[in-house]
Amino acid sequence: MQKGIDFRKQKRMDDPTFALALKGTRVLDAKDAAAWDWELVGSLVLVADNFDAPRLSDSSAAKFLKRMVFYFKPSSNQFVAELSPHTTEIARGLIRILVASPEGQKLLQVRFGVGLGS
């Protein structure tokens, strides 16, 4: 994690802080969820405003969300193996982010086959 910035005390992160936090989670670099900084992942996902429409179109944010969705996808067998109240809360936050935007709904439809019709 980046020294000198306490991401957990942030509300909606400004763009440079958000970019640092995304990198700091290690989700973009490591496919193995054991290497991720789950506290930092939570600080990003649990503040839904961090993933507004402009950020959802950013390639790094999109990659982050895709990796998170894959992690929580039941057939990946990752989430169930490491079930905890913290990861469950992150999963709930991720769902809130995804259903709130057309980009997120598309990701849910593609990865889970979930349709959120009008």
Foldseek 3Di string as FASTA:
>chain_A
DDPPDDLLPDAQDDPVVLVVLLVQQCLQPDLDNVPGPLSSLLSQLVRLNNCDPVNCVDPSSVSSLLSLVCCPPVVNVNCVVVPDPSNVSSVVSSVVNLVVDPSSQVSCCVSPVDHDDD
